[in-house]
PDB file of all heavy atoms in Angstrom:
ATOM      1  N   GLY A   1       9.215  13.417  -1.912  1.00  0.00           N
ATOM      2  CA  GLY A   1       8.845  12.019  -1.923  1.00  0.00           C
ATOM      3  C   GLY A   1       8.732  11.441  -0.448  1.00  0.00           C
ATOM      4  O   GLY A   1       9.008  12.045   0.487  1.00  0.00           O
ATOM      5  N   LEU A   2       8.197  10.146  -0.509  1.00  0.00           N
ATOM      6  CA  LEU A   2       8.131   9.493   0.758  1.00  0.00           C
ATOM      7  C   LEU A   2       9.485   9.186   1.406  1.00  0.00           C
ATOM      8  O   LEU A   2      10.413   8.782   0.583  1.00  0.00           O
ATOM      9  CB  LEU A   2       7.500   8.056   0.426  1.00  0.00           C
ATOM     10  CG  LEU A   2       6.993   7.209   1.619  1.00  0.00           C
ATOM     11  CD1 LEU A   2       5.866   7.961   2.328  1.00  0.00           C
ATOM     12  CD2 LEU A   2       6.506   5.827   1.157  1.00  0.00           C
ATOM     13  N   THR A   3       9.655   9.258   2.724  1.00  0.00           N
ATOM     14  CA  THR A   3      10.905   9.202   3.485  1.00  0.00           C
ATOM     15  C   THR A   3      11.892  10.371   3.128  1.00  0.00           C
ATOM     16  O   THR A   3      12.982  10.452   3.706  1.00  0.00           O
ATOM     17  CB  THR A   3      11.576   7.835   3.189  1.00  0.00           C
ATOM     18  OG1 THR A   3      12.393   7.778   2.090  1.00  0.00           O
ATOM     19  CG2 THR A   3      10.641   6.644   3.406  1.00  0.00           C
ATOM     20  N   ASP A   4      11.512  11.193   2.258  1.00  0.00           N
ATOM     21  CA  ASP A   4      12.412  12.246   1.912  1.00  0.00           C
ATOM     22  C   ASP A   4      12.263  13.554   2.610  1.00  0.00           C
ATOM     23  O   ASP A   4      11.500  13.619   3.631  1.00  0.00           O
ATOM     24  CB  ASP A   4      12.302  12.587   0.313  1.00  0.00           C
ATOM     25  CG  ASP A   4      12.838  11.433  -0.514  1.00  0.00           C
ATOM     26  OD1 ASP A   4      13.839  11.067  -0.362  1.00  0.00           O
ATOM     27  OD2 ASP A   4      11.972  10.986  -1.432  1.00  0.00           O
ATOM     28  N   SER A   5      12.793  14.769   2.067  1.00  0.00           N
ATOM     29  CA  SER A   5      12.576  16.027   2.740  1.00  0.00           C
ATOM     30  C   SER A   5      12.485  17.077   1.695  1.00  0.00           C
ATOM     31  O   SER A   5      12.711  16.871   0.483  1.00  0.00           O
ATOM     32  CB  SER A   5      13.690  16.261   3.707  1.00  0.00           C
ATOM     33  OG  SER A   5      14.801  16.476   2.918  1.00  0.00           O
ATOM     34  N   PRO A   6      12.217  18.296   2.039  1.00  0.00           N
ATOM     35  CA  PRO A   6      12.242  19.304   0.917  1.00  0.00           C
ATOM     36  C   PRO A   6      13.657  19.495   0.271  1.00  0.00           C
ATOM     37  O   PRO A   6      13.640  20.217  -0.750  1.00  0.00           O
ATOM     38  CB  PRO A   6      11.983  20.665   1.801  1.00  0.00           C
ATOM     39  CG  PRO A   6      11.076  20.136   3.000  1.00  0.00           C
ATOM     40  CD  PRO A   6      11.728  18.878   3.273  1.00  0.00           C
ATOM     41  N   TYR A   7      14.664  18.980   0.824  1.00  0.00           N
ATOM     42  CA  TYR A   7      15.829  18.978   0.091  1.00  0.00           C
ATOM     43  C   TYR A   7      15.801  18.338  -1.282  1.00  0.00           C
ATOM     44  O   TYR A   7      16.564  18.810  -2.254  1.00  0.00           O
ATOM     45  CB  TYR A   7      16.957  18.294   0.887  1.00  0.00           C
ATOM     46  CG  TYR A   7      18.412  18.319   0.319  1.00  0.00           C
ATOM     47  CD1 TYR A   7      19.184  19.501   0.511  1.00  0.00           C
ATOM     48  CD2 TYR A   7      18.840  17.357  -0.558  1.00  0.00           C
ATOM     49  CE1 TYR A   7      20.489  19.420  -0.149  1.00  0.00           C
ATOM     50  CE2 TYR A   7      20.138  17.341  -1.044  1.00  0.00           C
ATOM     51  CZ  TYR A   7      20.910  18.481  -0.946  1.00  0.00           C
ATOM     52  OH  TYR A   7      22.191  18.503  -1.345  1.00  0.00           O
ATOM     53  N   SER A   8      14.847  17.391  -1.570  1.00  0.00           N
ATOM     54  CA  SER A   8      14.873  16.737  -2.764  1.00  0.00           C
ATOM     55  C   SER A   8      14.672  17.599  -4.061  1.00  0.00           C
ATOM     56  O   SER A   8      15.324  17.219  -5.055  1.00  0.00           O
ATOM     57  CB  SER A   8      13.679  15.641  -2.805  1.00  0.00           C
ATOM     58  OG  SER A   8      13.794  14.867  -1.685  1.00  0.00           O
ATOM     59  N   LEU A   9      13.852  18.610  -3.964  1.00  0.00           N
ATOM     60  CA  LEU A   9      13.711  19.517  -5.027  1.00  0.00           C
ATOM     61  C   LEU A   9      14.338  20.943  -4.853  1.00  0.00           C
ATOM     62  O   LEU A   9      13.961  21.844  -5.489  1.00  0.00           O
ATOM     63  CB  LEU A   9      12.098  19.826  -5.196  1.00  0.00           C
ATOM     64  CG  LEU A   9      11.418  18.362  -5.745  1.00  0.00           C
ATOM     65  CD1 LEU A   9       9.990  18.658  -5.669  1.00  0.00           C
ATOM     66  CD2 LEU A   9      11.866  17.923  -7.146  1.00  0.00           C
ATOM     67  N   ARG A  10      15.347  20.930  -4.070  1.00  0.00           N
ATOM     68  CA  ARG A  10      16.110  22.229  -3.729  1.00  0.00           C
ATOM     69  C   ARG A  10      16.637  22.843  -5.002  1.00  0.00           C
ATOM     70  O   ARG A  10      16.488  23.965  -5.243  1.00  0.00           O
ATOM     71  CB  ARG A  10      17.202  22.013  -2.772  1.00  0.00           C
ATOM     72  CG  ARG A  10      18.065  23.171  -2.403  1.00  0.00           C
ATOM     73  CD  ARG A  10      19.283  22.749  -1.671  1.00  0.00           C
ATOM     74  NE  ARG A  10      20.212  21.782  -2.437  1.00  0.00           N
ATOM     75  CZ  ARG A  10      21.230  22.300  -3.310  1.00  0.00           C
ATOM     76  NH1 ARG A  10      21.497  23.633  -3.281  1.00  0.00           N
ATOM     77  NH2 ARG A  10      22.014  21.465  -3.938  1.00  0.00           N
ATOM     78  N   SER A  11      17.346  22.022  -5.920  1.00  0.00           N
ATOM     79  CA  SER A  11      17.825  22.595  -7.035  1.00  0.00           C
ATOM     80  C   SER A  11      16.927  23.144  -8.003  1.00  0.00           C
ATOM     81  O   SER A  11      17.116  24.312  -8.636  1.00  0.00           O
ATOM     82  CB  SER A  11      18.729  21.556  -7.809  1.00  0.00           C
ATOM     83  OG  SER A  11      17.925  20.442  -8.349  1.00  0.00           O
ATOM     84  N   ILE A  12      15.630  22.643  -8.105  1.00  0.00           N
ATOM     85  CA  ILE A  12      14.656  23.063  -8.996  1.00  0.00           C
ATOM     86  C   ILE A  12      14.055  24.268  -8.439  1.00  0.00           C
ATOM     87  O   ILE A  12      13.792  25.339  -8.981  1.00  0.00           O
ATOM     88  CB  ILE A  12      13.544  21.953  -9.144  1.00  0.00           C
ATOM     89  CG1 ILE A  12      14.032  20.841 -10.040  1.00  0.00           C
ATOM     90  CG2 ILE A  12      12.178  22.546  -9.734  1.00  0.00           C
ATOM     91  CD1 ILE A  12      13.162  19.740 -10.246  1.00  0.00           C
ATOM     92  N   GLY A  13      13.888  24.440  -7.014  1.00  0.00           N
ATOM     93  CA  GLY A  13      13.405  25.500  -6.372  1.00  0.00           C
ATOM     94  C   GLY A  13      14.258  26.682  -6.482  1.00  0.00           C
ATOM     95  O   GLY A  13      13.795  27.897  -6.760  1.00  0.00           O
ATOM     96  N   GLU A  14      15.536  26.505  -6.321  1.00  0.00           N
ATOM     97  CA  GLU A  14      16.454  27.622  -6.384  1.00  0.00           C
ATOM     98  C   GLU A  14      16.505  28.227  -7.860  1.00  0.00           C
ATOM     99  O   GLU A  14      16.680  29.373  -8.003  1.00  0.00           O
ATOM    100  CB  GLU A  14      17.892  27.115  -5.976  1.00  0.00           C
ATOM    101  CG  GLU A  14      18.069  26.957  -4.496  1.00  0.00           C
ATOM    102  CD  GLU A  14      19.394  26.363  -4.074  1.00  0.00           C
ATOM    103  OE1 GLU A  14      20.075  25.879  -4.843  1.00  0.00           O
ATOM    104  OE2 GLU A  14      19.790  26.593  -2.790  1.00  0.00           O
ATOM    105  N   HIS A  15      16.359  27.356  -8.755  1.00  0.00           N
ATOM    106  CA  HIS A  15      16.438  27.790 -10.222  1.00  0.00           C
ATOM    107  C   HIS A  15      15.063  28.643 -10.429  1.00  0.00           C
ATOM    108  O   HIS A  15      15.171  29.595 -11.073  1.00  0.00           O
ATOM    109  CB  HIS A  15      16.423  26.529 -11.133  1.00  0.00           C
ATOM    110  CG  HIS A  15      16.398  26.999 -12.618  1.00  0.00           C
ATOM    111  ND1 HIS A  15      17.566  27.607 -13.280  1.00  0.00           N
ATOM    112  CD2 HIS A  15      15.453  27.046 -13.522  1.00  0.00           C
ATOM    113  CE1 HIS A  15      17.179  27.872 -14.476  1.00  0.00           C
ATOM    114  NE2 HIS A  15      15.975  27.518 -14.741  1.00  0.00           N
ATOM    115  N   LEU A  16      14.065  28.200 -10.026  1.00  0.00           N
ATOM    116  CA  LEU A  16      12.745  28.860 -10.303  1.00  0.00           C
ATOM    117  C   LEU A  16      12.686  30.189  -9.475  1.00  0.00           C
ATOM    118  O   LEU A  16      12.338  31.207 -10.044  1.00  0.00           O
ATOM    119  CB  LEU A  16      11.572  27.919  -9.770  1.00  0.00           C
ATOM    120  CG  LEU A  16      11.110  26.741 -10.697  1.00  0.00           C
ATOM    121  CD1 LEU A  16      10.188  25.866  -9.971  1.00  0.00           C
ATOM    122  CD2 LEU A  16      10.747  27.209 -12.079  1.00  0.00           C
ATOM    123  N   ALA A  17      13.326  30.214  -8.252  1.00  0.00           N
ATOM    124  CA  ALA A  17      13.316  31.498  -7.507  1.00  0.00           C
ATOM    125  C   ALA A  17      14.378  32.494  -8.349  1.00  0.00           C
ATOM    126  O   ALA A  17      14.039  33.676  -8.406  1.00  0.00           O
ATOM    127  CB  ALA A  17      13.871  31.258  -6.175  1.00  0.00           C
ATOM    128  N   SER A  18      15.359  32.003  -8.860  1.00  0.00           N
ATOM    129  CA  SER A  18      16.310  32.785  -9.584  1.00  0.00           C
ATOM    130  C   SER A  18      15.709  33.335 -10.940  1.00  0.00           C
ATOM    131  O   SER A  18      16.052  34.305 -11.525  1.00  0.00           O
ATOM    132  CB  SER A  18      17.567  32.193  -9.970  1.00  0.00           C
ATOM    133  OG  SER A  18      17.368  31.104 -11.079  1.00  0.00           O
ATOM    134  N   SER A  19      14.530  32.667 -11.311  1.00  0.00           N
ATOM    135  CA  SER A  19      13.885  33.092 -12.619  1.00  0.00           C
ATOM    136  C   SER A  19      12.658  33.932 -12.216  1.00  0.00           C
ATOM    137  O   SER A  19      11.867  34.223 -13.237  1.00  0.00           O
ATOM    138  CB  SER A  19      13.437  31.848 -13.377  1.00  0.00           C
ATOM    139  OG  SER A  19      14.475  30.920 -13.562  1.00  0.00           O
ATOM    140  N   GLY A  20      12.483  34.314 -10.963  1.00  0.00           N
ATOM    141  CA  GLY A  20      11.393  35.198 -10.685  1.00  0.00           C
ATOM    142  C   GLY A  20      10.253  34.606 -10.019  1.00  0.00           C
ATOM    143  O   GLY A  20       9.092  35.266 -10.003  1.00  0.00           O
ATOM    144  N   PHE A  21      10.205  33.392  -9.631  1.00  0.00           N
ATOM    145  CA  PHE A  21       9.097  32.691  -8.960  1.00  0.00           C
ATOM    146  C   PHE A  21       9.131  32.665  -7.385  1.00  0.00           C
ATOM    147  O   PHE A  21      10.223  32.508  -6.791  1.00  0.00           O
ATOM    148  CB  PHE A  21       8.916  31.330  -9.542  1.00  0.00           C
ATOM    149  CG  PHE A  21       8.445  31.192 -10.827  1.00  0.00           C
ATOM    150  CD1 PHE A  21       9.367  31.256 -11.893  1.00  0.00           C
ATOM    151  CD2 PHE A  21       7.214  30.924 -11.025  1.00  0.00           C
ATOM    152  CE1 PHE A  21       8.790  31.002 -13.180  1.00  0.00           C
ATOM    153  CE2 PHE A  21       6.637  30.864 -12.353  1.00  0.00           C
ATOM    154  CZ  PHE A  21       7.509  30.876 -13.443  1.00  0.00           C
ATOM    155  N   GLU A  22       8.104  32.837  -6.870  1.00  0.00           N
ATOM    156  CA  GLU A  22       7.908  32.643  -5.338  1.00  0.00           C
ATOM    157  C   GLU A  22       7.971  31.054  -5.305  1.00  0.00           C
ATOM    158  O   GLU A  22       7.179  30.354  -5.858  1.00  0.00           O
ATOM    159  CB  GLU A  22       6.611  33.145  -4.696  1.00  0.00           C
ATOM    160  CG  GLU A  22       6.477  34.574  -4.734  1.00  0.00           C
ATOM    161  CD  GLU A  22       6.978  35.298  -3.465  1.00  0.00           C
ATOM    162  OE1 GLU A  22       7.338  34.451  -2.463  1.00  0.00           O
ATOM    163  OE2 GLU A  22       6.992  36.460  -3.435  1.00  0.00           O
ATOM    164  N   VAL A  23       8.784  30.562  -4.336  1.00  0.00           N
ATOM    165  CA  VAL A  23       8.882  29.088  -4.230  1.00  0.00           C
ATOM    166  C   VAL A  23       8.688  28.655  -2.840  1.00  0.00           C
ATOM    167  O   VAL A  23       9.407  29.194  -1.896  1.00  0.00           O
ATOM    168  CB  VAL A  23      10.257  28.572  -4.687  1.00  0.00           C
ATOM    169  CG1 VAL A  23      10.392  27.141  -4.522  1.00  0.00           C
ATOM    170  CG2 VAL A  23      10.478  28.965  -6.298  1.00  0.00           C
ATOM    171  N   VAL A  24       7.866  27.648  -2.660  1.00  0.00           N
ATOM    172  CA  VAL A  24       7.646  27.017  -1.220  1.00  0.00           C
ATOM    173  C   VAL A  24       8.038  25.554  -1.366  1.00  0.00           C
ATOM    174  O   VAL A  24       7.466  24.900  -2.234  1.00  0.00           O
ATOM    175  CB  VAL A  24       6.188  27.255  -0.700  1.00  0.00           C
ATOM    176  CG1 VAL A  24       6.022  26.298   0.583  1.00  0.00           C
ATOM    177  CG2 VAL A  24       5.908  28.672  -0.401  1.00  0.00           C
ATOM    178  N   GLY A  25       9.047  25.148  -0.669  1.00  0.00           N
ATOM    179  CA  GLY A  25       9.370  23.675  -0.474  1.00  0.00           C
ATOM    180  C   GLY A  25       8.685  23.214   0.736  1.00  0.00           C
ATOM    181  O   GLY A  25       9.173  23.543   1.859  1.00  0.00           O
ATOM    182  N   LEU A  26       7.587  22.528   0.615  1.00  0.00           N
ATOM    183  CA  LEU A  26       6.748  22.038   1.745  1.00  0.00           C
ATOM    184  C   LEU A  26       7.322  20.758   2.419  1.00  0.00           C
ATOM    185  O   LEU A  26       7.471  19.770   1.689  1.00  0.00           O
ATOM    186  CB  LEU A  26       5.374  21.889   1.313  1.00  0.00           C
ATOM    187  CG  LEU A  26       4.231  21.509   2.365  1.00  0.00           C
ATOM    188  CD1 LEU A  26       4.031  22.816   3.355  1.00  0.00           C
ATOM    189  CD2 LEU A  26       2.915  21.137   1.773  1.00  0.00           C
ATOM    190  N   ARG A  27       7.457  20.825   3.670  1.00  0.00           N
ATOM    191  CA  ARG A  27       7.835  19.570   4.394  1.00  0.00           C
ATOM    192  C   ARG A  27       6.521  18.887   4.722  1.00  0.00           C
ATOM    193  O   ARG A  27       5.662  19.414   5.390  1.00  0.00           O
ATOM    194  CB  ARG A  27       8.546  19.863   5.718  1.00  0.00           C
ATOM    195  CG  ARG A  27       8.889  18.574   6.504  1.00  0.00           C
ATOM    196  CD  ARG A  27       9.255  19.052   7.936  1.00  0.00           C
ATOM    197  NE  ARG A  27       8.017  19.510   8.626  1.00  0.00           N
ATOM    198  CZ  ARG A  27       7.015  18.701   9.296  1.00  0.00           C
ATOM    199  NH1 ARG A  27       7.287  17.367   9.187  1.00  0.00           N
ATOM    200  NH2 ARG A  27       6.014  19.165   9.637  1.00  0.00           N
ATOM    201  N   LEU A  28       6.441  17.724   4.194  1.00  0.00           N
ATOM    202  CA  LEU A  28       5.076  17.070   4.450  1.00  0.00           C
ATOM    203  C   LEU A  28       5.107  16.352   5.773  1.00  0.00           C
ATOM    204  O   LEU A  28       6.097  15.906   6.259  1.00  0.00           O
ATOM    205  CB  LEU A  28       4.952  15.880   3.299  1.00  0.00           C
ATOM    206  CG  LEU A  28       4.634  16.458   1.786  1.00  0.00           C
ATOM    207  CD1 LEU A  28       4.833  15.394   0.956  1.00  0.00           C
ATOM    208  CD2 LEU A  28       3.447  17.127   1.711  1.00  0.00           C
ATOM    209  N   PRO A  29       3.864  16.104   6.346  1.00  0.00           N
ATOM    210  CA  PRO A  29       3.852  15.515   7.614  1.00  0.00           C
ATOM    211  C   PRO A  29       4.479  14.205   7.735  1.00  0.00           C
ATOM    212  O   PRO A  29       4.418  13.434   6.891  1.00  0.00           O
ATOM    213  CB  PRO A  29       2.326  15.367   7.891  1.00  0.00           C
ATOM    214  CG  PRO A  29       1.694  16.544   7.049  1.00  0.00           C
ATOM    215  CD  PRO A  29       2.627  16.648   5.939  1.00  0.00           C
ATOM    216  N   GLY A  30       5.201  13.905   8.868  1.00  0.00           N
ATOM    217  CA  GLY A  30       5.908  12.696   9.126  1.00  0.00           C
ATOM    218  C   GLY A  30       7.309  12.596   8.569  1.00  0.00           C
ATOM    219  O   GLY A  30       7.995  11.747   8.750  1.00  0.00           O
ATOM    220  N   HIS A  31       7.755  13.808   7.918  1.00  0.00           N
ATOM    221  CA  HIS A  31       9.023  13.773   7.286  1.00  0.00           C
ATOM    222  C   HIS A  31       9.919  14.860   8.010  1.00  0.00           C
ATOM    223  O   HIS A  31       9.441  15.736   8.466  1.00  0.00           O
ATOM    224  CB  HIS A  31       8.829  14.054   5.836  1.00  0.00           C
ATOM    225  CG  HIS A  31       8.118  12.772   5.127  1.00  0.00           C
ATOM    226  ND1 HIS A  31       6.774  12.544   5.262  1.00  0.00           N
ATOM    227  CD2 HIS A  31       8.665  11.790   4.482  1.00  0.00           C
ATOM    228  CE1 HIS A  31       6.537  11.381   4.541  1.00  0.00           C
ATOM    229  NE2 HIS A  31       7.573  10.953   4.010  1.00  0.00           N
ATOM    230  N   GLY A  32      11.153  14.626   7.518  1.00  0.00           N
ATOM    231  CA  GLY A  32      12.146  15.673   8.000  1.00  0.00           C
ATOM    232  C   GLY A  32      12.737  15.674   9.377  1.00  0.00           C
ATOM    233  O   GLY A  32      13.550  16.380   9.767  1.00  0.00           O
ATOM    234  N   THR A  33      12.042  14.848  10.235  1.00  0.00           N
ATOM    235  CA  THR A  33      12.469  14.846  11.614  1.00  0.00           C
ATOM    236  C   THR A  33      13.096  13.469  12.061  1.00  0.00           C
ATOM    237  O   THR A  33      14.240  13.475  12.122  1.00  0.00           O
ATOM    238  CB  THR A  33      10.954  14.969  12.490  1.00  0.00           C
ATOM    239  OG1 THR A  33      10.129  13.979  12.087  1.00  0.00           O
ATOM    240  CG2 THR A  33      10.511  16.418  12.262  1.00  0.00           C
ATOM    241  N   ALA A  34      12.275  12.532  12.347  1.00  0.00           N
ATOM    242  CA  ALA A  34      12.781  11.158  12.669  1.00  0.00           C
ATOM    243  C   ALA A  34      12.013  10.096  11.965  1.00  0.00           C
ATOM    244  O   ALA A  34      10.782  10.428  11.772  1.00  0.00           O
ATOM    245  CB  ALA A  34      12.725  10.980  14.285  1.00  0.00           C
ATOM    246  N   PRO A  35      12.506   8.890  11.711  1.00  0.00           N
ATOM    247  CA  PRO A  35      11.867   8.048  11.107  1.00  0.00           C
ATOM    248  C   PRO A  35      10.501   7.531  11.823  1.00  0.00           C
ATOM    249  O   PRO A  35       9.517   6.969  11.259  1.00  0.00           O
ATOM    250  CB  PRO A  35      12.753   6.667  11.186  1.00  0.00           C
ATOM    251  CG  PRO A  35      14.112   7.271  11.160  1.00  0.00           C
ATOM    252  CD  PRO A  35      14.025   8.588  11.995  1.00  0.00           C
ATOM    253  N   SER A  36      10.451   7.779  13.084  1.00  0.00           N
ATOM    254  CA  SER A  36       9.279   7.455  13.821  1.00  0.00           C
ATOM    255  C   SER A  36       8.010   8.094  13.244  1.00  0.00           C
ATOM    256  O   SER A  36       6.975   7.788  13.453  1.00  0.00           O
ATOM    257  CB  SER A  36       9.247   7.889  15.354  1.00  0.00           C
ATOM    258  OG  SER A  36       9.627   9.189  15.554  1.00  0.00           O
ATOM    259  N   GLY A  37       8.310   9.273  12.611  1.00  0.00           N
ATOM    260  CA  GLY A  37       7.105   9.845  11.889  1.00  0.00           C
ATOM    261  C   GLY A  37       6.437   9.054  10.875  1.00  0.00           C
ATOM    262  O   GLY A  37       5.223   9.438  10.552  1.00  0.00           O
ATOM    263  N   LEU A  38       7.078   7.952  10.405  1.00  0.00           N
ATOM    264  CA  LEU A  38       6.501   7.099   9.373  1.00  0.00           C
ATOM    265  C   LEU A  38       5.500   6.197  10.004  1.00  0.00           C
ATOM    266  O   LEU A  38       4.883   5.378   9.280  1.00  0.00           O
ATOM    267  CB  LEU A  38       7.534   6.324   8.619  1.00  0.00           C
ATOM    268  CG  LEU A  38       8.628   7.137   7.828  1.00  0.00           C
ATOM    269  CD1 LEU A  38       9.671   6.257   7.257  1.00  0.00           C
ATOM    270  CD2 LEU A  38       7.955   8.039   6.881  1.00  0.00           C
ATOM    271  N   LEU A  39       5.428   6.210  11.291  1.00  0.00           N
ATOM    272  CA  LEU A  39       4.561   5.230  11.991  1.00  0.00           C
ATOM    273  C   LEU A  39       3.047   5.549  12.049  1.00  0.00           C
ATOM    274  O   LEU A  39       2.243   4.753  12.125  1.00  0.00           O
ATOM    275  CB  LEU A  39       5.075   4.974  13.460  1.00  0.00           C
ATOM    276  CG  LEU A  39       6.464   4.202  13.567  1.00  0.00           C
ATOM    277  CD1 LEU A  39       6.725   4.201  15.078  1.00  0.00           C
ATOM    278  CD2 LEU A  39       6.548   2.891  12.936  1.00  0.00           C
ATOM    279  N   LYS A  40       2.838   6.830  12.128  1.00  0.00           N
ATOM    280  CA  LYS A  40       1.545   7.309  12.202  1.00  0.00           C
ATOM    281  C   LYS A  40       0.864   8.213  11.196  1.00  0.00           C
ATOM    282  O   LYS A  40      -0.314   8.315  11.298  1.00  0.00           O
ATOM    283  CB  LYS A  40       1.458   8.248  13.621  1.00  0.00           C
ATOM    284  CG  LYS A  40       2.106   7.450  14.963  1.00  0.00           C
ATOM    285  CD  LYS A  40       1.066   6.390  15.251  1.00  0.00           C
ATOM    286  CE  LYS A  40       1.443   5.711  16.450  1.00  0.00           C
ATOM    287  NZ  LYS A  40       0.608   4.560  16.886  1.00  0.00           N
ATOM    288  N   PHE A  41       1.660   8.791  10.285  1.00  0.00           N
ATOM    289  CA  PHE A  41       1.180   9.744   9.318  1.00  0.00           C
ATOM    290  C   PHE A  41       0.095   9.062   8.447  1.00  0.00           C
ATOM    291  O   PHE A  41       0.171   7.735   8.210  1.00  0.00           O
ATOM    292  CB  PHE A  41       2.196  10.401   8.551  1.00  0.00           C
ATOM    293  CG  PHE A  41       2.610   9.622   7.319  1.00  0.00           C
ATOM    294  CD1 PHE A  41       1.985   9.775   5.985  1.00  0.00           C
ATOM    295  CD2 PHE A  41       3.649   8.497   7.428  1.00  0.00           C
ATOM    296  CE1 PHE A  41       2.418   9.010   4.999  1.00  0.00           C
ATOM    297  CE2 PHE A  41       3.927   7.779   6.291  1.00  0.00           C
ATOM    298  CZ  PHE A  41       3.364   8.002   5.133  1.00  0.00           C
ATOM    299  N   ARG A  42      -0.843   9.782   7.915  1.00  0.00           N
ATOM    300  CA  ARG A  42      -1.955   9.359   7.061  1.00  0.00           C
ATOM    301  C   ARG A  42      -1.868  10.181   5.763  1.00  0.00           C
ATOM    302  O   ARG A  42      -1.421  11.305   5.733  1.00  0.00           O
ATOM    303  CB  ARG A  42      -3.315   9.403   7.685  1.00  0.00           C
ATOM    304  CG  ARG A  42      -3.271   8.782   9.012  1.00  0.00           C
ATOM    305  CD  ARG A  42      -3.550   7.285   8.963  1.00  0.00           C
ATOM    306  NE  ARG A  42      -4.789   6.894   8.482  1.00  0.00           N
ATOM    307  CZ  ARG A  42      -5.069   5.631   8.236  1.00  0.00           C
ATOM    308  NH1 ARG A  42      -4.229   4.577   8.331  1.00  0.00           N
ATOM    309  NH2 ARG A  42      -6.283   5.340   7.773  1.00  0.00           N
ATOM    310  N   VAL A  43      -2.403   9.551   4.644  1.00  0.00           N
ATOM    311  CA  VAL A  43      -2.517  10.218   3.299  1.00  0.00           C
ATOM    312  C   VAL A  43      -3.359  11.572   3.649  1.00  0.00           C
ATOM    313  O   VAL A  43      -2.943  12.651   3.056  1.00  0.00           O
ATOM    314  CB  VAL A  43      -3.403   9.364   2.405  1.00  0.00           C
ATOM    315  CG1 VAL A  43      -3.818  10.233   1.211  1.00  0.00           C
ATOM    316  CG2 VAL A  43      -2.405   8.215   1.938  1.00  0.00           C
TER     317      VAL A  43
END
């Protein structure tokens, strides 16, 4: 989600991987680094 990071869905991802799925937790632009990323990113 907005202002979040891939950690948000970690538990779901780990469960799906344990069930045989390839799982990618994508870090969306502007996130996971510093709040300044919220100043410039676009949809």
